[in-house]
Amino acid sequence: MKSIIPSWGEIGRETVIIMAGALLAAVILSRLPAVRDFIQSNTAFGGCNCDGTTPH
């Protein structure tokens, strides 16, 4: 059972990895508007009406 439940050190390490990835993504999106626009235009969250048109 001990091998199934991660230790506090493993949880902390994974938390740091996730937070660093989120921070890196935020920095990339803030520095590269073309990437942000590409992602926004290719996701439903970016304004897709699901009928083939996008409100821009």
PDB file of N, CA and C in Angstrom:
ATOM      1  N   MET A   1       0.830  -1.202   0.000  1.00  0.00           N
ATOM      2  CA  MET A   1       0.000   0.000   0.000  1.00  0.00           C
ATOM      3  C   MET A   1       0.871   1.261   0.000  1.00  0.00           C
ATOM      4  N   LYS A   2       2.036   1.149   0.591  1.00  0.00           N
ATOM      5  CA  LYS A   2       2.912   2.314   0.668  1.00  0.00           C
ATOM      6  C   LYS A   2       3.370   2.778  -0.717  1.00  0.00           C
ATOM      7  N   SER A   3       3.496   1.852  -1.670  1.00  0.00           N
ATOM      8  CA  SER A   3       3.942   2.246  -3.004  1.00  0.00           C
ATOM      9  C   SER A   3       2.840   2.939  -3.804  1.00  0.00           C
ATOM     10  N   ILE A   4       1.597   2.809  -3.379  1.00  0.00           N
ATOM     11  CA  ILE A   4       0.484   3.439  -4.090  1.00  0.00           C
ATOM     12  C   ILE A   4       0.323   4.895  -3.659  1.00  0.00           C
ATOM     13  N   ILE A   5       0.440   5.152  -2.379  1.00  0.00           N
ATOM     14  CA  ILE A   5       0.258   6.501  -1.839  1.00  0.00           C
ATOM     15  C   ILE A   5       1.601   7.232  -1.883  1.00  0.00           C
ATOM     16  N   PRO A   6       1.662   8.383  -2.573  1.00  0.00           N
ATOM     17  CA  PRO A   6       2.938   9.101  -2.668  1.00  0.00           C
ATOM     18  C   PRO A   6       3.313   9.751  -1.334  1.00  0.00           C
ATOM     19  N   SER A   7       4.608   9.937  -1.151  1.00  0.00           N
ATOM     20  CA  SER A   7       5.089  10.606   0.060  1.00  0.00           C
ATOM     21  C   SER A   7       4.888  12.112  -0.087  1.00  0.00           C
ATOM     22  N   TRP A   8       5.042  12.832   1.019  1.00  0.00           N
ATOM     23  CA  TRP A   8       4.880  14.286   0.977  1.00  0.00           C
ATOM     24  C   TRP A   8       5.931  14.927   0.076  1.00  0.00           C
ATOM     25  N   GLY A   9       7.119  14.347   0.058  1.00  0.00           N
ATOM     26  CA  GLY A   9       8.163  14.871  -0.824  1.00  0.00           C
ATOM     27  C   GLY A   9       7.797  14.741  -2.293  1.00  0.00           C
ATOM     28  N   GLU A  10       7.217  13.601  -2.649  1.00  0.00           N
ATOM     29  CA  GLU A  10       6.790  13.394  -4.040  1.00  0.00           C
ATOM     30  C   GLU A  10       5.646  14.330  -4.409  1.00  0.00           C
ATOM     31  N   ILE A  11       4.720  14.538  -3.495  1.00  0.00           N
ATOM     32  CA  ILE A  11       3.609  15.469  -3.749  1.00  0.00           C
ATOM     33  C   ILE A  11       4.142  16.877  -3.934  1.00  0.00           C
ATOM     34  N   GLY A  12       5.082  17.272  -3.087  1.00  0.00           N
ATOM     35  CA  GLY A  12       5.684  18.602  -3.202  1.00  0.00           C
ATOM     36  C   GLY A  12       6.413  18.786  -4.512  1.00  0.00           C
ATOM     37  N   ARG A  13       7.178  17.772  -4.922  1.00  0.00           N
ATOM     38  CA  ARG A  13       7.918  17.849  -6.179  1.00  0.00           C
ATOM     39  C   ARG A  13       6.968  17.996  -7.366  1.00  0.00           C
ATOM     40  N   GLU A  14       5.916  17.211  -7.398  1.00  0.00           N
ATOM     41  CA  GLU A  14       4.945  17.300  -8.493  1.00  0.00           C
ATOM     42  C   GLU A  14       4.232  18.650  -8.494  1.00  0.00           C
ATOM     43  N   THR A  15       3.953  19.182  -7.312  1.00  0.00           N
ATOM     44  CA  THR A  15       3.313  20.498  -7.211  1.00  0.00           C
ATOM     45  C   THR A  15       4.208  21.576  -7.800  1.00  0.00           C
ATOM     46  N   VAL A  16       5.495  21.523  -7.477  1.00  0.00           N
ATOM     47  CA  VAL A  16       6.442  22.499  -8.021  1.00  0.00           C
ATOM     48  C   VAL A  16       6.519  22.377  -9.540  1.00  0.00           C
ATOM     49  N   ILE A  17       6.525  21.168 -10.058  1.00  0.00           N
ATOM     50  CA  ILE A  17       6.584  20.958 -11.510  1.00  0.00           C
ATOM     51  C   ILE A  17       5.351  21.539 -12.194  1.00  0.00           C
ATOM     52  N   ILE A  18       4.170  21.294 -11.630  1.00  0.00           N
ATOM     53  CA  ILE A  18       2.920  21.813 -12.211  1.00  0.00           C
ATOM     54  C   ILE A  18       2.906  23.339 -12.177  1.00  0.00           C
ATOM     55  N   MET A  19       3.288  23.926 -11.043  1.00  0.00           N
ATOM     56  CA  MET A  19       3.282  25.385 -10.916  1.00  0.00           C
ATOM     57  C   MET A  19       4.304  26.024 -11.859  1.00  0.00           C
ATOM     58  N   ALA A  20       5.473  25.407 -12.000  1.00  0.00           N
ATOM     59  CA  ALA A  20       6.486  25.939 -12.915  1.00  0.00           C
ATOM     60  C   ALA A  20       5.995  25.876 -14.362  1.00  0.00           C
ATOM     61  N   GLY A  21       5.307  24.805 -14.718  1.00  0.00           N
ATOM     62  CA  GLY A  21       4.754  24.696 -16.069  1.00  0.00           C
ATOM     63  C   GLY A  21       3.691  25.743 -16.342  1.00  0.00           C
ATOM     64  N   ALA A  22       2.835  25.985 -15.353  1.00  0.00           N
ATOM     65  CA  ALA A  22       1.795  27.006 -15.509  1.00  0.00           C
ATOM     66  C   ALA A  22       2.419  28.393 -15.629  1.00  0.00           C
ATOM     67  N   LEU A  23       3.454  28.659 -14.837  1.00  0.00           N
ATOM     68  CA  LEU A  23       4.137  29.950 -14.912  1.00  0.00           C
ATOM     69  C   LEU A  23       4.831  30.117 -16.259  1.00  0.00           C
ATOM     70  N   LEU A  24       5.478  29.071 -16.736  1.00  0.00           N
ATOM     71  CA  LEU A  24       6.135  29.131 -18.041  1.00  0.00           C
ATOM     72  C   LEU A  24       5.121  29.384 -19.155  1.00  0.00           C
ATOM     73  N   ALA A  25       3.977  28.718 -19.098  1.00  0.00           N
ATOM     74  CA  ALA A  25       2.933  28.937 -20.105  1.00  0.00           C
ATOM     75  C   ALA A  25       2.427  30.375 -20.060  1.00  0.00           C
ATOM     76  N   ALA A  26       2.247  30.921 -18.865  1.00  0.00           N
ATOM     77  CA  ALA A  26       1.779  32.303 -18.741  1.00  0.00           C
ATOM     78  C   ALA A  26       2.795  33.283 -19.318  1.00  0.00           C
ATOM     79  N   VAL A  27       4.075  33.041 -19.067  1.00  0.00           N
ATOM     80  CA  VAL A  27       5.117  33.923 -19.603  1.00  0.00           C
ATOM     81  C   VAL A  27       5.153  33.836 -21.126  1.00  0.00           C
ATOM     82  N   ILE A  28       5.080  32.634 -21.659  1.00  0.00           N
ATOM     83  CA  ILE A  28       5.102  32.465 -23.120  1.00  0.00           C
ATOM     84  C   ILE A  28       3.911  33.166 -23.754  1.00  0.00           C
ATOM     85  N   LEU A  29       2.721  32.986 -23.182  1.00  0.00           N
ATOM     86  CA  LEU A  29       1.532  33.606 -23.763  1.00  0.00           C
ATOM     87  C   LEU A  29       1.568  35.125 -23.640  1.00  0.00           C
ATOM     88  N   SER A  30       2.186  35.657 -22.583  1.00  0.00           N
ATOM     89  CA  SER A  30       2.244  37.110 -22.440  1.00  0.00           C
ATOM     90  C   SER A  30       3.286  37.728 -23.369  1.00  0.00           C
ATOM     91  N   ARG A  31       4.333  36.983 -23.717  1.00  0.00           N
ATOM     92  CA  ARG A  31       5.406  37.506 -24.567  1.00  0.00           C
ATOM     93  C   ARG A  31       5.157  37.300 -26.056  1.00  0.00           C
ATOM     94  N   LEU A  32       4.334  36.326 -26.403  1.00  0.00           N
ATOM     95  CA  LEU A  32       4.110  35.998 -27.812  1.00  0.00           C
ATOM     96  C   LEU A  32       2.623  36.090 -28.142  1.00  0.00           C
ATOM     97  N   PRO A  33       2.149  37.276 -28.492  1.00  0.00           N
ATOM     98  CA  PRO A  33       0.728  37.446 -28.784  1.00  0.00           C
ATOM     99  C   PRO A  33       0.241  36.574 -29.940  1.00  0.00           C
ATOM    100  N   ALA A  34       1.106  36.253 -30.889  1.00  0.00           N
ATOM    101  CA  ALA A  34       0.689  35.404 -32.012  1.00  0.00           C
ATOM    102  C   ALA A  34       0.318  34.008 -31.524  1.00  0.00           C
ATOM    103  N   VAL A  35       1.065  33.496 -30.557  1.00  0.00           N
ATOM    104  CA  VAL A  35       0.755  32.180 -29.991  1.00  0.00           C
ATOM    105  C   VAL A  35      -0.567  32.246 -29.239  1.00  0.00           C
ATOM    106  N   ARG A  36      -0.761  33.307 -28.465  1.00  0.00           N
ATOM    107  CA  ARG A  36      -2.011  33.483 -27.721  1.00  0.00           C
ATOM    108  C   ARG A  36      -3.197  33.553 -28.675  1.00  0.00           C
ATOM    109  N   ASP A  37      -3.064  34.303 -29.753  1.00  0.00           N
ATOM    110  CA  ASP A  37      -4.155  34.414 -30.724  1.00  0.00           C
ATOM    111  C   ASP A  37      -4.423  33.081 -31.417  1.00  0.00           C
ATOM    112  N   PHE A  38      -3.348  32.330 -31.723  1.00  0.00           N
ATOM    113  CA  PHE A  38      -3.510  31.016 -32.347  1.00  0.00           C
ATOM    114  C   PHE A  38      -4.283  30.077 -31.427  1.00  0.00           C
ATOM    115  N   ILE A  39      -3.912  30.036 -30.163  1.00  0.00           N
ATOM    116  CA  ILE A  39      -4.597  29.163 -29.208  1.00  0.00           C
ATOM    117  C   ILE A  39      -6.040  29.611 -29.024  1.00  0.00           C
ATOM    118  N   GLN A  40      -6.244  30.906 -28.918  1.00  0.00           N
ATOM    119  CA  GLN A  40      -7.594  31.423 -28.709  1.00  0.00           C
ATOM    120  C   GLN A  40      -8.493  31.119 -29.901  1.00  0.00           C
ATOM    121  N   SER A  41      -7.961  31.192 -31.101  1.00  0.00           N
ATOM    122  CA  SER A  41      -8.799  30.943 -32.279  1.00  0.00           C
ATOM    123  C   SER A  41      -9.019  29.456 -32.551  1.00  0.00           C
ATOM    124  N   ASN A  42      -8.276  28.586 -31.877  1.00  0.00           N
ATOM    125  CA  ASN A  42      -8.402  27.150 -32.116  1.00  0.00           C
ATOM    126  C   ASN A  42      -8.970  26.384 -30.931  1.00  0.00           C
ATOM    127  N   THR A  43      -9.578  27.086 -30.001  1.00  0.00           N
ATOM    128  CA  THR A  43     -10.225  26.425 -28.868  1.00  0.00           C
ATOM    129  C   THR A  43     -11.648  26.934 -28.731  1.00  0.00           C
ATOM    130  N   ALA A  44     -12.510  26.129 -28.163  1.00  0.00           N
ATOM    131  CA  ALA A  44     -13.895  26.540 -27.959  1.00  0.00           C
ATOM    132  C   ALA A  44     -13.967  27.716 -26.995  1.00  0.00           C
ATOM    133  N   PHE A  45     -13.060  27.764 -26.026  1.00  0.00           N
ATOM    134  CA  PHE A  45     -13.048  28.862 -25.063  1.00  0.00           C
ATOM    135  C   PHE A  45     -12.733  30.190 -25.744  1.00  0.00           C
ATOM    136  N   GLY A  46     -12.066  30.127 -26.897  1.00  0.00           N
ATOM    137  CA  GLY A  46     -11.680  31.329 -27.611  1.00  0.00           C
ATOM    138  C   GLY A  46     -12.818  32.012 -28.342  1.00  0.00           C
ATOM    139  N   GLY A  47     -14.017  31.500 -28.281  1.00  0.00           N
ATOM    140  CA  GLY A  47     -15.138  32.183 -28.873  1.00  0.00           C
ATOM    141  C   GLY A  47     -15.825  31.440 -29.992  1.00  0.00           C
ATOM    142  N   CYS A  48     -15.627  30.145 -30.099  1.00  0.00           N
ATOM    143  CA  CYS A  48     -16.280  29.365 -31.141  1.00  0.00           C
ATOM    144  C   CYS A  48     -17.778  29.259 -30.858  1.00  0.00           C
ATOM    145  N   ASN A  49     -18.575  29.525 -31.877  1.00  0.00           N
ATOM    146  CA  ASN A  49     -20.025  29.366 -31.743  1.00  0.00           C
ATOM    147  C   ASN A  49     -20.478  27.982 -32.174  1.00  0.00           C
ATOM    148  N   CYS A  50     -19.529  27.131 -32.578  1.00  0.00           N
ATOM    149  CA  CYS A  50     -19.791  25.749 -32.995  1.00  0.00           C
ATOM    150  C   CYS A  50     -20.669  25.659 -34.238  1.00  0.00           C
ATOM    151  N   ASP A  51     -20.825  26.729 -34.969  1.00  0.00           N
ATOM    152  CA  ASP A  51     -21.564  26.690 -36.225  1.00  0.00           C
ATOM    153  C   ASP A  51     -20.660  27.095 -37.394  1.00  0.00           C
ATOM    154  N   GLY A  52     -19.367  27.076 -37.151  1.00  0.00           N
ATOM    155  CA  GLY A  52     -18.411  27.399 -38.201  1.00  0.00           C
ATOM    156  C   GLY A  52     -17.989  28.849 -38.238  1.00  0.00           C
ATOM    157  N   THR A  53     -18.534  29.684 -37.374  1.00  0.00           N
ATOM    158  CA  THR A  53     -18.147  31.090 -37.350  1.00  0.00           C
ATOM    159  C   THR A  53     -17.525  31.419 -36.002  1.00  0.00           C
ATOM    160  N   THR A  54     -16.649  32.388 -36.021  1.00  0.00           N
ATOM    161  CA  THR A  54     -16.062  32.876 -34.774  1.00  0.00           C
ATOM    162  C   THR A  54     -16.310  34.366 -34.676  1.00  0.00           C
ATOM    163  N   PRO A  55     -16.696  34.845 -33.522  1.00  0.00           N
ATOM    164  CA  PRO A  55     -16.987  36.274 -33.361  1.00  0.00           C
ATOM    165  C   PRO A  55     -15.719  37.093 -33.173  1.00  0.00           C
ATOM    166  N   HIS A  56     -15.184  37.673 -34.251  1.00  0.00           N
ATOM    167  CA  HIS A  56     -14.006  38.545 -34.136  1.00  0.00           C
ATOM    168  C   HIS A  56     -14.220  39.787 -34.908  1.00  0.00           C
TER     169      HIS A  56
END
